[in-house]
């Protein structure tokens, strides 16, 4: 991926300046070991065009590529303080962290995206959105999931919550935290969507082994290979737009933030929240947290409400019905889901 990014970056500079790589090097060598000022400013203009169009990531890749290419040939490109490209980080105020209701609206919108004639694309999009939300894994981890990670919990009978053992092979950031693995889970909705997607692939003749990618491509040039981050990014943007959510303020990592918001609203302790996020628990508390007790972590995950939220009016209706017919209150409270809805409605009505 790094080679491809660097080659794409160098190609972009060459096309924009109408020069080939050899000509770039000749101009630099004709000026000692530094790129001449005129060429340097032309490169800067290319980078600024990307920055001003909101393509900060692309600008950084191109900048890294041209610097690497020149340094490999003992040439330097040095921008003065006034000449530096001003990268504007996306402001936190620009992001739109989806609510539970919005996440499910996006999942439902996958079936309505125009241009997706292949039903597998729609099933894949729904599974991607719900799995990202209910597991909270990083986007780079999600696209690397393999069949062996989920097969025992999905087939032949679905057993939710589905445990996911996330290793450093799936999430390289764990190496920085000195964690060999962590556990997170999928709830009923995400597990059902994922199973439906995999069964649809099986019905079309797909063969799976433990290393087969869970989320596969369906393009003209690639079939049944692992999706790229760009594919996943595009899916999130398209379903968000179809669901009526501005795609300019939403990207894959924000589904992880939605997961964290659910954890924060739950009654689970701080150490479990950090563990489910794949973080190292601060200080000596890490040594006392039992990451091996899968049943205990699963029980705590079950305390978090990742299910689809009913509209506020519907919850109020349940509250009013309970007030008018007291004999139903006992029956309502026997159902944990109904009990949770009523308790939330009571809190909102008091607010």
Protein backbone atom coordinates (compact mmCIF):
# COMPACT_ATOMS: atom_id res chain seq x y z
CA UNK A 1 0.00 0.00 0.00
CA UNK A 2 2.86 2.40 0.78
CA UNK A 3 4.49 1.74 -2.59
CA UNK A 4 1.22 2.34 -4.37
CA UNK A 5 0.54 5.56 -2.45
CA UNK A 6 4.02 6.89 -3.20
CA UNK A 7 3.79 6.02 -6.88
CA UNK A 8 0.36 7.64 -7.11
CA UNK A 9 1.70 10.77 -5.40
CA UNK A 10 4.70 11.02 -7.74
CA UNK A 11 2.42 10.42 -10.72
CA UNK A 12 0.13 13.24 -9.59
CA UNK A 13 3.00 15.73 -9.40
CA UNK A 14 4.32 14.68 -12.82
CA UNK A 15 0.92 15.00 -14.47
CA UNK A 16 0.13 18.37 -12.87
CA UNK A 17 3.53 19.85 -13.82
CA UNK A 18 3.74 18.07 -17.20
CA UNK A 19 7.13 16.62 -16.30
CA UNK A 20 8.44 13.08 -16.10
CA UNK A 21 10.52 11.83 -13.11
CA UNK A 22 13.82 12.20 -14.98
CA UNK A 23 13.03 15.84 -15.77
CA UNK A 24 12.25 16.50 -12.12
CA UNK A 25 15.66 15.13 -11.14
CA UNK A 26 17.46 17.12 -13.88
CA UNK A 27 15.95 20.37 -12.61
CA UNK A 28 17.12 19.57 -9.08
CA UNK A 29 20.64 18.56 -10.09
CA UNK A 30 20.97 21.72 -12.14
CA UNK A 31 20.48 23.67 -8.93
CA UNK A 32 23.05 21.90 -6.77
CA UNK A 33 21.27 19.48 -4.46
CA UNK A 34 18.12 21.52 -3.92
CA UNK A 35 14.95 21.82 -5.96
CA UNK A 36 14.84 25.28 -7.61
CA UNK A 37 12.45 27.81 -6.11
CA UNK A 38 10.20 27.98 -9.19
CA UNK A 39 9.65 24.21 -9.18
CA UNK A 40 9.20 24.19 -5.42
CA UNK A 41 6.41 26.77 -5.65
CA UNK A 42 4.70 24.80 -8.43
CA UNK A 43 4.71 21.70 -6.21
CA UNK A 44 3.36 23.82 -3.36
CA UNK A 45 0.48 25.05 -5.57
CA UNK A 46 -0.46 21.44 -6.37
CA UNK A 47 -0.52 20.57 -2.67
CA UNK A 48 -2.52 23.69 -1.78
CA UNK A 49 -5.17 22.82 -4.37
CA UNK A 50 -5.80 19.53 -2.56
CA UNK A 51 -5.83 21.22 0.86
CA UNK A 52 -8.29 23.91 -0.24
CA UNK A 53 -10.59 21.25 -1.71
CA UNK A 54 -10.73 19.48 1.64
CA UNK A 55 -8.48 16.60 0.54
CA UNK A 56 -5.99 16.92 3.38
CA UNK A 57 -5.09 13.24 3.40
CA UNK A 58 -4.27 13.25 -0.32
CA UNK A 59 -2.10 16.36 0.06
CA UNK A 60 -0.07 14.70 2.82
CA UNK A 61 0.43 11.53 0.74
CA UNK A 62 1.63 13.53 -2.28
CA UNK A 63 3.96 15.61 -0.13
CA UNK A 64 5.46 12.49 1.44
CA UNK A 65 5.83 10.84 -1.97
CA UNK A 66 7.69 13.70 -3.67
CA UNK A 67 9.98 14.21 -0.66
CA UNK A 68 10.81 10.52 -0.55
CA UNK A 69 11.51 10.37 -4.28
CA UNK A 70 13.84 13.37 -4.19
CA UNK A 71 15.65 12.22 -1.04
CA UNK A 72 16.26 8.81 -2.63
CA UNK A 73 18.18 10.67 -5.35
CA UNK A 74 20.04 12.91 -2.87
CA UNK A 75 17.96 15.98 -3.60
CA UNK A 76 16.11 18.13 -1.08
CA UNK A 77 12.95 20.20 -1.15
CA UNK A 78 12.80 22.65 1.74
CA UNK A 79 9.90 24.99 2.35
CA UNK A 80 10.56 28.11 4.41
CA UNK A 81 8.20 28.99 7.25
CA UNK A 82 6.22 31.29 4.95
CA UNK A 83 6.11 28.68 2.16
CA UNK A 84 4.86 25.75 4.26
CA UNK A 85 1.58 24.15 3.32
CA UNK A 86 -1.02 24.95 5.96
CA UNK A 87 -2.75 21.69 6.68
CA UNK A 88 -6.09 22.30 8.35
CA UNK A 89 -7.07 19.44 10.61
CA UNK A 90 -10.74 18.51 10.51
CA UNK A 91 -12.33 20.30 13.41
CA UNK A 92 -14.15 18.25 15.98
CA UNK A 93 -17.06 20.63 15.41
CA UNK A 94 -17.31 19.35 11.83
CA UNK A 95 -17.94 15.75 12.79
CA UNK A 96 -21.35 14.18 13.17
CA UNK A 97 -21.31 11.27 15.61
CA UNK A 98 -24.41 9.23 14.67
CA UNK A 99 -26.98 8.45 17.34
CA UNK A 100 -28.28 4.90 17.70
CA UNK A 101 -31.34 5.83 15.65
CA UNK A 102 -29.18 7.33 12.90
CA UNK A 103 -26.94 4.25 12.79
CA UNK A 104 -29.97 2.03 12.17
CA UNK A 105 -31.32 4.52 9.64
CA UNK A 106 -28.05 4.17 7.74
CA UNK A 107 -28.25 0.38 7.94
CA UNK A 108 -31.83 0.44 6.62
CA UNK A 109 -30.83 2.88 3.87
CA UNK A 110 -28.37 0.36 2.40
CA UNK A 111 -31.24 -1.32 0.59
CA UNK A 112 -32.21 1.98 -1.07
CA UNK A 113 -28.84 3.17 -2.40
CA UNK A 114 -29.14 3.91 -6.11
CA UNK A 115 -26.73 2.12 -8.41
CA UNK A 116 -26.21 -0.94 -6.23
CA UNK A 117 -27.85 -3.58 -8.39
CA UNK A 118 -25.94 -6.42 -6.79
CA UNK A 119 -27.90 -7.40 -3.65
CA UNK A 120 -24.66 -8.54 -2.01
CA UNK A 121 -23.47 -4.92 -1.94
CA UNK A 122 -26.58 -3.91 0.00
CA UNK A 123 -26.23 -6.77 2.47
CA UNK A 124 -22.54 -6.00 2.86
CA UNK A 125 -23.21 -2.32 3.55
CA UNK A 126 -25.77 -3.11 6.23
CA UNK A 127 -23.44 -5.61 7.89
CA UNK A 128 -20.50 -3.17 7.76
CA UNK A 129 -22.46 -0.38 9.45
CA UNK A 130 -23.95 -2.53 12.21
CA UNK A 131 -20.75 -4.49 12.87
CA UNK A 132 -18.71 -1.28 13.10
CA UNK A 133 -21.23 0.20 15.54
CA UNK A 134 -21.82 -2.80 17.79
CA UNK A 135 -18.18 -3.95 17.96
CA UNK A 136 -16.50 -0.53 18.09
CA UNK A 137 -13.40 -1.79 16.26
CA UNK A 138 -11.21 0.55 14.28
CA UNK A 139 -12.01 0.78 10.53
CA UNK A 140 -8.67 -0.78 9.57
CA UNK A 141 -9.52 -3.76 11.78
CA UNK A 142 -13.07 -4.24 10.51
CA UNK A 143 -12.06 -4.71 6.89
CA UNK A 144 -9.53 -7.41 7.91
CA UNK A 145 -12.06 -9.70 9.61
CA UNK A 146 -11.85 -13.29 8.45
CA UNK A 147 -14.36 -16.11 8.48
CA UNK A 148 -12.59 -17.97 11.28
CA UNK A 149 -13.25 -15.04 13.61
CA UNK A 150 -17.04 -15.46 13.53
CA UNK A 151 -17.93 -18.86 12.09
CA UNK A 152 -18.47 -20.75 15.37
CA UNK A 153 -20.90 -18.13 16.71
CA UNK A 154 -22.88 -17.69 13.48
CA UNK A 155 -23.15 -21.21 12.09
CA UNK A 156 -25.12 -23.36 12.16
CA UNK A 157 -27.05 -21.44 14.84
CA UNK A 158 -26.49 -17.80 15.73
CA UNK A 159 -25.33 -17.33 19.32
CA UNK A 160 -25.33 -13.69 20.41
CA UNK A 161 -23.47 -11.82 21.67
CA UNK A 162 -20.81 -12.95 19.22
CA UNK A 163 -17.33 -12.77 20.83
CA UNK A 164 -14.58 -11.24 18.70
CA UNK A 165 -10.98 -11.88 19.68
CA UNK A 166 -9.13 -8.92 18.18
CA UNK A 167 -5.41 -9.59 17.84
CA UNK A 168 -2.52 -7.42 16.69
CA UNK A 169 -2.80 -9.11 13.28
CA UNK A 170 -6.23 -7.53 12.89
CA UNK A 171 -5.47 -4.27 14.72
CA UNK A 172 -1.83 -3.19 14.55
CA UNK A 173 -2.40 -0.44 17.14
CA UNK A 174 -2.41 -3.12 19.82
CA UNK A 175 1.35 -3.39 19.37
CA UNK A 176 1.70 0.17 20.57
CA UNK A 177 -0.40 -0.62 23.64
CA UNK A 178 1.58 -3.83 24.28
CA UNK A 179 -1.67 -5.83 24.18
CA UNK A 180 -1.69 -9.29 22.55
CA UNK A 181 -5.47 -9.16 22.07
CA UNK A 182 -8.77 -7.85 23.43
CA UNK A 183 -12.39 -8.98 23.28
CA UNK A 184 -15.36 -7.13 21.92
CA UNK A 185 -18.74 -8.43 20.70
CA UNK A 186 -21.57 -8.21 18.22
CA UNK A 187 -25.16 -7.88 19.37
CA UNK A 188 -28.14 -9.64 17.85
CA UNK A 189 -28.78 -7.08 15.10
CA UNK A 190 -25.21 -6.93 13.78
CA UNK A 191 -24.76 -10.70 14.06
CA UNK A 192 -28.00 -11.32 12.14
CA UNK A 193 -27.00 -8.88 9.39
CA UNK A 194 -23.57 -10.46 9.10
CA UNK A 195 -24.97 -13.99 8.96
CA UNK A 196 -27.50 -13.00 6.28
CA UNK A 197 -24.70 -11.49 4.19
CA UNK A 198 -22.43 -14.52 4.52
CA UNK A 199 -25.28 -16.93 3.74
CA UNK A 200 -26.10 -14.93 0.61
CA UNK A 201 -22.50 -15.29 -0.52
CA UNK A 202 -22.58 -19.02 0.20
CA UNK A 203 -25.78 -19.39 -1.82
CA UNK A 204 -23.94 -17.80 -4.74
CA UNK A 205 -21.19 -20.36 -4.57
CA UNK A 206 -18.61 -18.66 -2.33
CA UNK A 207 -16.30 -21.09 -0.55
CA UNK A 208 -14.94 -20.17 2.87
CA UNK A 209 -11.95 -21.21 4.90
CA UNK A 210 -10.77 -19.60 8.13
CA UNK A 211 -8.69 -16.98 6.30
CA UNK A 212 -11.40 -15.94 3.83
CA UNK A 213 -12.30 -12.25 4.11
CA UNK A 214 -15.66 -11.55 5.73
CA UNK A 215 -16.26 -8.37 3.73
CA UNK A 216 -15.48 -8.98 0.06
CA UNK A 217 -15.31 -6.90 -3.12
CA UNK A 218 -17.72 -7.15 -6.06
CA UNK A 219 -16.11 -4.94 -8.70
CA UNK A 220 -15.41 -5.66 -12.36
CA UNK A 221 -11.69 -6.13 -11.72
CA UNK A 222 -11.81 -7.90 -8.36
CA UNK A 223 -14.13 -10.49 -6.90
CA UNK A 224 -14.21 -11.93 -3.38
CA UNK A 225 -11.06 -10.15 -2.23
CA UNK A 226 -10.80 -8.13 0.96
CA UNK A 227 -12.46 -4.72 0.79
CA UNK A 228 -10.16 -1.73 1.03
CA UNK A 229 -10.57 1.20 3.37
CA UNK A 230 -11.61 3.26 0.35
CA UNK A 231 -14.45 0.81 -0.34
CA UNK A 232 -15.60 1.02 3.27
CA UNK A 233 -15.29 4.82 3.28
CA UNK A 234 -17.45 5.03 0.16
CA UNK A 235 -20.09 2.73 1.68
CA UNK A 236 -20.43 4.91 4.79
CA UNK A 237 -20.73 8.09 2.71
CA UNK A 238 -23.35 6.64 0.35
CA UNK A 239 -25.61 5.13 2.98
CA UNK A 240 -25.37 8.31 5.06
CA UNK A 241 -26.49 10.42 2.10
CA UNK A 242 -29.35 8.02 1.33
CA UNK A 243 -30.41 8.17 5.01
CA UNK A 244 -30.55 11.96 4.88
CA UNK A 245 -27.36 12.51 6.89
CA UNK A 246 -24.74 14.91 5.51
CA UNK A 247 -21.86 12.76 4.21
CA UNK A 248 -19.46 15.70 4.62
CA UNK A 249 -19.57 15.33 8.39
CA UNK A 250 -19.47 11.56 8.66
CA UNK A 251 -16.67 9.04 8.13
CA UNK A 252 -16.04 5.44 9.30
CA UNK A 253 -14.17 6.26 12.53
CA UNK A 254 -17.23 8.09 13.86
CA UNK A 255 -19.08 4.77 14.17
CA UNK A 256 -16.43 3.82 16.72
CA UNK A 257 -17.27 7.03 18.57
CA UNK A 258 -20.94 6.05 18.50
CA UNK A 259 -19.93 2.78 20.16
CA UNK A 260 -18.05 4.73 22.85
CA UNK A 261 -21.10 6.92 23.51
CA UNK A 262 -23.19 3.82 24.20
CA UNK A 263 -20.51 2.57 26.61
CA UNK A 264 -20.46 5.93 28.37
CA UNK A 265 -24.24 5.85 28.87
CA UNK A 266 -24.16 2.34 30.31
CA UNK A 267 -23.55 1.23 33.87
CA UNK A 268 -20.32 -0.67 33.10
CA UNK A 269 -17.16 0.37 34.91
CA UNK A 270 -14.43 2.49 33.34
CA UNK A 271 -11.95 -0.39 33.04
CA UNK A 272 -14.41 -2.48 31.03
CA UNK A 273 -15.14 0.46 28.74
CA UNK A 274 -11.44 0.88 28.01
CA UNK A 275 -11.02 -2.87 27.50
CA UNK A 276 -13.93 -3.04 25.02
CA UNK A 277 -12.40 -0.12 23.12
CA UNK A 278 -9.12 -2.01 22.74
CA UNK A 279 -7.24 0.43 24.97
CA UNK A 280 -4.67 -0.37 27.62
CA UNK A 281 -6.13 0.35 31.06
CA UNK A 282 -4.16 3.13 32.79
CA UNK A 283 -1.60 2.36 35.46
CA UNK A 284 -1.55 -0.77 37.55
CA UNK A 285 -5.28 -1.37 36.93
CA UNK A 286 -4.31 -3.17 33.71
CA UNK A 287 -2.58 -5.87 35.78
CA UNK A 288 -5.76 -6.52 37.79
CA UNK A 289 -8.23 -6.58 34.90
CA UNK A 290 -9.02 -10.14 33.80
CA UNK A 291 -9.10 -10.03 29.99
CA UNK A 292 -9.26 -13.84 29.90
CA UNK A 293 -12.69 -14.03 31.59
CA UNK A 294 -14.75 -13.94 28.41
CA UNK A 295 -18.03 -14.65 30.20
CA UNK A 296 -17.60 -11.72 32.57
CA UNK A 297 -16.74 -9.29 29.77
CA UNK A 298 -19.70 -10.59 27.74
CA UNK A 299 -22.06 -9.98 30.67
CA UNK A 300 -20.82 -6.42 30.99
CA UNK A 301 -21.16 -5.87 27.25
CA UNK A 302 -24.77 -7.06 27.62
CA UNK A 303 -25.43 -4.15 29.98
CA UNK A 304 -24.95 -1.75 27.07
CA UNK A 305 -27.95 -0.95 24.90
CA UNK A 306 -26.96 -1.25 21.23
CA UNK A 307 -30.49 -2.09 20.08
CA UNK A 308 -32.58 0.14 17.85
CA UNK A 309 -34.14 3.02 19.75
CA UNK A 310 -37.83 3.58 19.27
CA UNK A 311 -38.99 7.12 18.49
CA UNK A 312 -39.54 9.41 21.49
CA UNK A 313 -43.31 9.55 20.81
CA UNK A 314 -43.54 5.77 20.96
CA UNK A 315 -41.79 5.68 24.32
CA UNK A 316 -44.13 8.38 25.63
CA UNK A 317 -47.07 6.33 24.43
CA UNK A 318 -45.88 3.37 26.47
CA UNK A 319 -45.59 5.60 29.52
CA UNK A 320 -49.10 6.98 29.13
CA UNK A 321 -50.54 3.51 28.66
CA UNK A 322 -48.80 2.33 31.80
CA UNK A 323 -50.24 5.25 33.77
CA UNK A 324 -53.79 4.66 32.53
CA UNK A 325 -53.73 0.88 33.06
CA UNK A 326 -51.80 0.15 36.27
CA UNK A 327 -52.53 -3.58 35.97
CA UNK A 328 -50.15 -3.73 32.99
CA UNK A 329 -47.17 -2.29 34.87
CA UNK A 330 -46.21 -5.62 36.44
CA UNK A 331 -46.42 -7.36 33.06
CA UNK A 332 -44.36 -4.63 31.43
CA UNK A 333 -41.61 -4.88 34.02
CA UNK A 334 -41.21 -8.62 33.49
CA UNK A 335 -39.75 -7.79 30.07
CA UNK A 336 -36.23 -6.27 30.44
CA UNK A 337 -36.50 -4.41 27.13
CA UNK A 338 -39.84 -2.84 28.01
CA UNK A 339 -38.56 -2.00 31.48
CA UNK A 340 -35.63 -0.16 29.97
CA UNK A 341 -37.90 1.80 27.61
CA UNK A 342 -40.21 2.83 30.43
CA UNK A 343 -37.35 3.89 32.66
CA UNK A 344 -35.91 6.03 29.85
CA UNK A 345 -39.32 7.56 29.13
CA UNK A 346 -39.74 8.42 32.81
CA UNK A 347 -36.36 10.15 32.86
CA UNK A 348 -37.18 12.14 29.73
CA UNK A 349 -40.60 13.16 30.99
CA UNK A 350 -39.07 14.45 34.24
CA UNK A 351 -36.55 16.47 32.21
